[in-house]
Amino acid sequence: MPILDSNSLEFFSRSPEQTRRLGMRLGSLMSVGDVIALSGDLGSGKTTLIQGIAQGWGSLDPVSSPTFVLVNQYRRPDGLILFHLDTYRLSGSAEALDLDLDWMMDRGALVIEWADRIREVLPAQALWIQMRWVADEQRGMVLTAGGERYARMLSEFKRQVFGGV
């Protein structure tokens, strides 16, 4: 178990619905240029969390894992886009540079599955979420804020989920 500091939060989701609701809260806190970096094995709940993030972002588009297309786009009515990347099939960070992440961050926000595979090209400031399978209906998550913007986001997330914490 990790030793957590004030910029981290460990959470256990008891159902896919709870994972989606957590994602909705995170998505509602995101702004243009934000990056949420997800890591975790297959079946750890990454796509389920992103379904909630996209809904909280304000998109009505259906969410699926972009494993074979690399990037999905979820638009909201104001035209901003949540870019959903799956870097599982990339050979490494150099290949990720070709995706033009800066261009995406100028037009919306990013949520990246298997982000640990391209850590070297991601902004130093991001919200990292390590996910793991615990049991059939349970997933564990450790959210870690990298930078002041994400520390504020995590603080607001804690307040929304747990009350006056």
Protein backbone atom coordinates (compact mmCIF):
# COMPACT_ATOMS: atom_id res chain seq x y z
CA MET A 1 0.00 0.00 0.00
CA PRO A 2 1.28 3.46 -0.83
CA ILE A 3 1.90 6.03 1.86
CA LEU A 4 -0.37 8.90 0.83
CA ASP A 5 0.21 12.61 1.26
CA SER A 6 -2.19 15.57 0.98
CA ASN A 7 -1.93 15.43 -2.82
CA SER A 8 -3.19 11.85 -2.98
CA LEU A 9 -6.43 10.02 -2.30
CA GLU A 10 -7.10 6.30 -2.15
CA PHE A 11 -10.63 5.20 -2.94
CA PHE A 12 -12.42 1.87 -3.30
CA SER A 13 -15.34 1.72 -5.70
CA ARG A 14 -17.94 -0.92 -4.88
CA SER A 15 -19.62 -1.04 -8.33
CA PRO A 16 -19.26 0.09 -11.95
CA GLU A 17 -22.02 2.65 -11.26
CA GLN A 18 -20.01 4.13 -8.38
CA THR A 19 -16.91 4.26 -10.60
CA ARG A 20 -18.93 6.14 -13.25
CA ARG A 21 -20.27 8.59 -10.63
CA LEU A 22 -16.73 9.30 -9.44
CA GLY A 23 -15.76 9.91 -13.05
CA MET A 24 -18.71 12.30 -13.46
CA ARG A 25 -17.44 14.39 -10.55
CA LEU A 26 -13.93 14.48 -12.01
CA GLY A 27 -15.21 15.36 -15.48
CA SER A 28 -17.26 18.24 -14.10
CA LEU A 29 -14.05 19.71 -12.60
CA MET A 30 -12.02 19.54 -15.81
CA SER A 31 -11.07 22.56 -17.91
CA VAL A 32 -9.40 23.07 -21.27
CA GLY A 33 -5.80 21.86 -21.09
CA ASP A 34 -6.35 19.41 -18.25
CA VAL A 35 -4.80 15.94 -18.34
CA ILE A 36 -6.00 12.88 -16.46
CA ALA A 37 -3.51 10.03 -16.79
CA LEU A 38 -4.79 6.53 -16.01
CA SER A 39 -2.81 3.39 -15.39
CA GLY A 40 -3.86 -0.08 -14.39
CA ASP A 41 -4.19 -3.57 -15.77
CA LEU A 42 -6.91 -4.78 -18.12
CA GLY A 43 -10.20 -4.94 -16.26
CA SER A 44 -9.23 -2.37 -13.63
CA GLY A 45 -12.09 -0.03 -14.59
CA LYS A 46 -10.35 2.62 -16.73
CA THR A 47 -13.00 2.76 -19.47
CA THR A 48 -15.83 2.73 -16.92
CA LEU A 49 -14.26 5.70 -15.14
CA ILE A 50 -13.86 7.52 -18.48
CA GLN A 51 -17.56 6.97 -19.26
CA GLY A 52 -18.31 9.02 -16.17
CA ILE A 53 -15.62 11.61 -16.93
CA ALA A 54 -17.09 12.22 -20.40
CA GLN A 55 -20.58 12.58 -18.94
CA GLY A 56 -19.33 15.00 -16.28
CA TRP A 57 -17.45 16.93 -19.00
CA GLY A 58 -20.84 17.47 -20.64
CA SER A 59 -20.62 15.13 -23.62
CA LEU A 60 -23.55 13.02 -24.71
CA ASP A 61 -21.37 10.90 -27.02
CA PRO A 62 -21.06 7.19 -26.19
CA VAL A 63 -17.71 6.15 -24.69
CA SER A 64 -15.75 3.14 -25.81
CA SER A 65 -12.12 2.18 -25.48
CA PRO A 66 -10.15 3.53 -28.47
CA THR A 67 -7.66 0.64 -28.46
CA PHE A 68 -7.70 0.26 -32.25
CA VAL A 69 -8.12 3.93 -33.25
CA LEU A 70 -5.87 5.42 -30.51
CA VAL A 71 -8.04 8.54 -29.96
CA ASN A 72 -11.77 9.04 -29.47
CA GLN A 73 -13.36 12.48 -29.22
CA TYR A 74 -16.32 13.34 -27.02
CA ARG A 75 -17.82 16.74 -27.83
CA ARG A 76 -19.89 18.90 -25.60
CA PRO A 77 -22.43 21.48 -26.83
CA ASP A 78 -19.97 24.41 -26.59
CA GLY A 79 -17.65 22.67 -29.06
CA LEU A 80 -14.90 21.73 -26.60
CA ILE A 81 -13.64 18.18 -26.84
CA LEU A 82 -12.57 15.54 -24.36
CA PHE A 83 -9.87 13.52 -26.10
CA HIS A 84 -9.68 9.90 -24.94
CA LEU A 85 -6.37 8.25 -25.80
CA ASP A 86 -5.46 4.61 -25.38
CA THR A 87 -1.70 4.23 -25.64
CA TYR A 88 -1.61 0.46 -25.10
CA ARG A 89 -0.60 -0.23 -28.71
CA LEU A 90 1.97 2.56 -29.00
CA SER A 91 5.59 1.51 -29.15
CA GLY A 92 6.58 4.30 -26.77
CA SER A 93 6.76 8.01 -26.09
CA ALA A 94 8.21 8.93 -29.49
CA GLU A 95 5.12 7.56 -31.22
CA ALA A 96 2.92 9.54 -28.82
CA LEU A 97 4.59 12.78 -29.95
CA ASP A 98 3.03 12.25 -33.39
CA LEU A 99 -0.43 12.54 -31.82
CA ASP A 100 0.14 16.27 -31.07
CA LEU A 101 -1.04 16.31 -27.47
CA ASP A 102 -0.52 20.10 -27.25
CA TRP A 103 -3.01 20.63 -30.09
CA MET A 104 -5.54 18.48 -28.22
CA MET A 105 -5.01 20.34 -24.94
CA ASP A 106 -5.66 23.66 -26.75
CA ARG A 107 -9.06 22.37 -27.90
CA GLY A 108 -10.20 20.52 -24.83
CA ALA A 109 -8.96 18.12 -22.20
CA LEU A 110 -7.20 14.75 -22.28
CA VAL A 111 -7.84 11.50 -20.54
CA ILE A 112 -5.25 8.85 -21.29
CA GLU A 113 -5.41 5.10 -20.70
CA TRP A 114 -2.07 3.32 -20.16
CA ALA A 115 -0.52 6.76 -19.58
CA ASP A 116 2.49 5.25 -17.80
CA ARG A 117 3.66 4.00 -21.24
CA ILE A 118 4.16 7.62 -22.43
CA ARG A 119 4.92 9.37 -19.14
CA GLU A 120 8.02 11.07 -20.63
CA VAL A 121 5.96 13.17 -23.09
CA LEU A 122 3.09 14.06 -20.77
CA PRO A 123 2.98 17.39 -18.93
CA ALA A 124 4.63 17.28 -15.51
CA GLN A 125 1.35 18.58 -14.12
CA ALA A 126 -1.50 16.11 -14.43
CA LEU A 127 -3.91 14.09 -12.31
CA TRP A 128 -2.64 10.50 -12.19
CA ILE A 129 -5.04 7.70 -11.33
CA GLN A 130 -3.65 4.24 -10.63
CA MET A 131 -6.48 1.69 -10.86
CA ARG A 132 -6.58 -1.94 -9.83
CA TRP A 133 -8.99 -4.85 -9.77
CA VAL A 134 -9.85 -5.79 -6.18
CA ALA A 135 -12.84 -8.14 -6.61
CA ASP A 136 -15.62 -8.73 -9.15
CA GLU A 137 -17.49 -5.56 -8.20
CA GLN A 138 -14.66 -3.62 -6.55
CA ARG A 139 -11.89 -1.46 -7.94
CA GLY A 140 -9.17 0.39 -6.07
CA MET A 141 -7.92 3.79 -7.15
CA VAL A 142 -5.12 6.06 -6.01
CA LEU A 143 -5.50 9.62 -7.31
CA THR A 144 -2.33 11.73 -7.21
CA ALA A 145 -2.22 15.41 -8.04
CA GLY A 146 0.85 16.57 -9.93
CA GLY A 147 0.97 20.35 -9.58
CA GLU A 148 -1.09 23.10 -7.98
CA ARG A 149 -3.97 23.00 -10.50
CA TYR A 150 -4.51 19.31 -9.84
CA ALA A 151 -4.08 19.69 -6.08
CA ARG A 152 -7.02 22.14 -6.19
CA MET A 153 -8.99 19.75 -8.41
CA LEU A 154 -8.34 16.85 -6.03
CA SER A 155 -9.29 18.99 -3.04
CA GLU A 156 -12.59 19.96 -4.67
CA PHE A 157 -13.18 16.33 -5.68
CA LYS A 158 -12.67 15.25 -2.03
CA ARG A 159 -15.06 17.98 -0.88
CA GLN A 160 -17.75 16.87 -3.35
CA VAL A 161 -17.40 13.17 -2.60
CA PHE A 162 -16.83 13.25 1.17
CA GLY A 163 -18.23 16.62 2.27
CA GLY A 164 -16.22 19.14 4.28
CA VAL A 165 -12.94 17.17 4.20
